[in-house]
Amino acid sequence: RDKAFNEFQMIVCRNVLIYFNQDLQKRVVDLFYASLCTFGFLGLGSKESLRFGGQQESFEEIDRKERIFMKVK
């Protein structure tokens, strides 16, 4: 299992996840979750989502167009 990098307030990863298979997307989203502080922000690309990560319910969508999420749990 990958370990969290730190407790970041914001992580921006735009247009990267679309190149990964579902397993790797889940691994990356789980790592982002572990690396964000509560109420931290995650920015994804316009075609990306959290659907393959196990943490979808732990994020609130802040801006649908810009794909910005806030960690709430």
Protein backbone atom coordinates (compact mmCIF):
# COMPACT_ATOMS: atom_id res chain seq x y z
CA ARG A 1 0.00 0.00 0.00
CA ASP A 2 1.22 3.48 -0.84
CA LYS A 3 1.67 5.88 2.05
CA ALA A 4 0.35 9.44 2.18
CA PHE A 5 2.75 12.12 1.01
CA ASN A 6 1.73 14.67 3.63
CA GLU A 7 -1.41 16.57 4.63
CA PHE A 8 -1.92 18.90 1.71
CA GLN A 9 -4.59 21.59 1.52
CA MET A 10 -4.86 21.20 -2.25
CA ILE A 11 -3.87 18.64 -4.87
CA VAL A 12 -4.28 19.38 -8.58
CA CYS A 13 -4.03 16.46 -10.97
CA ARG A 14 -5.65 17.43 -14.24
CA ASN A 15 -5.91 15.12 -17.25
CA VAL A 16 -3.70 12.39 -15.83
CA LEU A 17 -6.16 9.82 -14.46
CA ILE A 18 -7.74 9.34 -17.91
CA TYR A 19 -4.57 7.51 -18.99
CA PHE A 20 -4.76 4.99 -16.12
CA ASN A 21 -6.79 1.79 -15.89
CA GLN A 22 -9.48 1.54 -13.19
CA ASP A 23 -7.22 -0.20 -10.68
CA LEU A 24 -4.53 2.46 -10.94
CA GLN A 25 -7.15 5.24 -10.81
CA LYS A 26 -8.46 3.78 -7.55
CA ARG A 27 -4.95 3.54 -6.13
CA VAL A 28 -4.19 7.16 -7.04
CA VAL A 29 -7.50 8.52 -5.71
CA ASP A 30 -6.98 6.60 -2.46
CA LEU A 31 -3.50 8.12 -2.18
CA PHE A 32 -4.91 11.60 -2.82
CA TYR A 33 -7.52 11.00 -0.11
CA ALA A 34 -4.84 9.93 2.38
CA SER A 35 -2.66 12.92 1.45
CA LEU A 36 -5.34 15.63 1.80
CA CYS A 37 -6.27 17.26 5.08
CA THR A 38 -9.97 17.36 5.96
CA PHE A 39 -11.61 20.17 3.94
CA GLY A 40 -8.70 20.07 1.49
CA PHE A 41 -9.36 20.43 -2.24
CA LEU A 42 -8.77 18.07 -5.14
CA GLY A 43 -8.77 19.36 -8.73
CA LEU A 44 -9.26 16.87 -11.56
CA GLY A 45 -9.50 17.19 -15.34
CA SER A 46 -12.80 17.88 -17.11
CA LYS A 47 -13.21 14.23 -18.16
CA GLU A 48 -12.12 12.72 -14.83
CA SER A 49 -14.14 11.62 -11.82
CA LEU A 50 -13.85 9.89 -8.46
CA ARG A 51 -16.08 6.97 -9.47
CA PHE A 52 -13.30 4.36 -9.47
CA GLY A 53 -11.85 5.39 -6.14
CA GLY A 54 -13.20 3.97 -2.93
CA GLN A 55 -13.48 7.46 -1.47
CA GLN A 56 -16.28 8.99 -3.57
CA GLU A 57 -18.54 9.61 -0.56
CA SER A 58 -15.70 11.32 1.29
CA PHE A 59 -15.63 14.18 -1.21
CA GLU A 60 -18.15 16.92 -1.99
CA GLU A 61 -18.21 18.34 -5.51
CA ILE A 62 -17.53 22.08 -5.24
CA ASP A 63 -17.40 23.01 -8.93
CA ARG A 64 -18.82 20.57 -11.50
CA LYS A 65 -17.41 22.35 -14.56
CA GLU A 66 -13.89 22.68 -13.16
CA ARG A 67 -14.03 19.27 -11.41
CA ILE A 68 -13.04 20.56 -7.97
CA PHE A 69 -13.84 18.45 -4.92
CA MET A 70 -13.48 19.02 -1.18
CA LYS A 71 -12.58 16.23 1.24
CA VAL A 72 -15.33 16.20 3.86
CA LYS A 73 -14.63 12.95 5.75
